[in-house]
Amino acid sequence: MATCVMIQNPTNGLTRKGYFGFSWTYFFFGWFVPLIRGELGVAALHFFFTLITFGLWQLVFAFLYNKQYMSRMLEKGYVLKDSELVMENARAALGIAKV
C-alpha cells in the first residue's frame, strides 16, 4: 500500500504529493498515472510496454512505479517536506541517506 509524503521544490515553493510503496493506482490504471501526473514521455513509454507485454508490465511495474516517480522528482530538485516520521519512512523505503 502506498504511503503519501509531501515534497516541495525549494526554488519555487511548489508542493506536491509523492508516494512510496506498492501503487494500487498504477496497478488499476497503468500508463494513465504518469500521464495525469504530467510525465508525457514516461506515459508513452509505459503505454508501449503495456501493449508489448499484453498488460503484464502493468502488474510488475505497480511494485516499482512510486519509487521511480519519487526518484525523478528528487532529481528535479524536490525535497521531502513532511513530518519527521513520514520523511524517515520515505527515506528508508526509497534508500535515501539523511543529510
Protein backbone atom coordinates (compact mmCIF):
# COMPACT_ATOMS: atom_id res chain seq x y z
CA MET A 1 0.00 0.00 0.00
CA ALA A 2 1.36 3.40 -0.95
CA THR A 3 2.09 6.00 1.70
CA CYS A 4 1.84 9.71 0.93
CA VAL A 5 4.73 12.07 1.62
CA MET A 6 4.75 15.76 0.77
CA ILE A 7 7.57 17.03 -1.44
CA GLN A 8 8.45 20.65 -2.19
CA ASN A 9 10.53 22.42 -4.80
CA PRO A 10 12.64 24.90 -2.81
CA THR A 11 13.23 27.21 -5.79
CA ASN A 12 9.57 27.99 -6.50
CA GLY A 13 7.79 26.63 -3.40
CA LEU A 14 5.57 24.22 -5.39
CA THR A 15 4.32 21.46 -3.10
CA ARG A 16 3.17 18.07 -4.42
CA LYS A 17 2.24 14.67 -3.07
CA GLY A 18 4.74 11.89 -3.52
CA TYR A 19 4.20 8.25 -2.69
CA PHE A 20 6.26 5.24 -1.72
CA GLY A 21 5.27 1.59 -1.61
CA PHE A 22 3.02 -0.52 -3.85
CA SER A 23 0.96 1.57 -6.28
CA TRP A 24 -2.63 0.36 -6.49
CA THR A 25 -3.34 3.34 -8.72
CA TYR A 26 -0.77 2.16 -11.26
CA PHE A 27 -1.99 -1.43 -10.90
CA PHE A 28 -5.53 -0.46 -11.98
CA PHE A 29 -4.88 2.50 -14.31
CA GLY A 30 -1.38 1.80 -15.65
CA TRP A 31 0.10 4.35 -18.02
CA PHE A 32 -2.67 6.86 -17.24
CA VAL A 33 -0.96 7.61 -13.90
CA PRO A 34 2.19 9.21 -15.37
CA LEU A 35 0.01 10.89 -18.00
CA ILE A 36 -2.13 12.57 -15.32
CA ARG A 37 0.98 13.49 -13.31
CA GLY A 38 2.33 15.36 -16.33
CA GLU A 39 5.04 12.92 -17.40
CA LEU A 40 4.11 12.54 -21.06
CA GLY A 41 7.29 10.78 -22.16
CA VAL A 42 7.08 8.28 -19.32
CA ALA A 43 3.40 7.68 -20.07
CA ALA A 44 4.14 6.98 -23.74
CA LEU A 45 6.91 4.55 -22.80
CA HIS A 46 4.69 2.75 -20.29
CA PHE A 47 1.85 2.57 -22.85
CA PHE A 48 4.24 0.96 -25.35
CA PHE A 49 5.48 -1.62 -22.84
CA THR A 50 1.94 -2.38 -21.68
CA LEU A 51 0.93 -3.14 -25.27
CA ILE A 52 4.02 -5.25 -25.99
CA THR A 53 3.63 -7.36 -22.82
CA PHE A 54 -0.19 -7.64 -23.05
CA GLY A 55 -0.61 -5.92 -19.65
CA LEU A 56 1.98 -7.92 -17.69
CA TRP A 57 4.11 -4.75 -17.47
CA GLN A 58 1.33 -3.05 -15.51
CA LEU A 59 1.24 -5.84 -12.92
CA VAL A 60 5.00 -5.90 -12.38
CA PHE A 61 5.55 -2.16 -12.53
CA ALA A 62 2.96 -1.45 -9.82
CA PHE A 63 5.69 -2.51 -7.37
CA LEU A 64 8.25 -0.10 -8.89
CA TYR A 65 6.37 2.96 -10.10
CA ASN A 66 6.20 5.05 -6.91
CA LYS A 67 9.90 4.65 -6.18
CA GLN A 68 10.86 5.65 -9.70
CA TYR A 69 8.46 8.60 -9.67
CA MET A 70 9.92 9.85 -6.40
CA SER A 71 13.46 9.39 -7.73
CA ARG A 72 12.61 11.53 -10.78
CA MET A 73 11.04 14.23 -8.59
CA LEU A 74 14.03 14.31 -6.20
CA GLU A 75 16.40 14.56 -9.18
CA LYS A 76 14.40 17.59 -10.38
CA GLY A 77 15.20 19.30 -7.07
CA TYR A 78 12.21 18.47 -4.90
CA VAL A 79 12.89 17.76 -1.23
CA LEU A 80 10.87 15.86 1.36
CA LYS A 81 8.68 18.27 3.32
CA ASP A 82 6.53 16.35 5.81
CA SER A 83 6.61 15.23 9.43
CA GLU A 84 9.88 13.70 10.57
CA LEU A 85 8.34 10.22 10.99
CA VAL A 86 6.90 10.18 7.47
CA MET A 87 10.14 11.51 6.00
CA GLU A 88 12.16 8.86 7.85
CA ASN A 89 9.89 6.11 6.48
CA ALA A 90 10.19 7.58 2.98
CA ARG A 91 13.98 7.75 3.22
CA ALA A 92 14.10 4.10 4.30
CA ALA A 93 11.74 2.95 1.53
CA LEU A 94 13.48 4.99 -1.16
CA GLY A 95 17.04 4.31 0.00
CA ILE A 96 17.88 7.97 0.70
CA ALA A 97 20.58 8.85 3.21
CA LYS A 98 19.68 11.54 5.74
CA VAL A 99 21.51 14.76 5.04
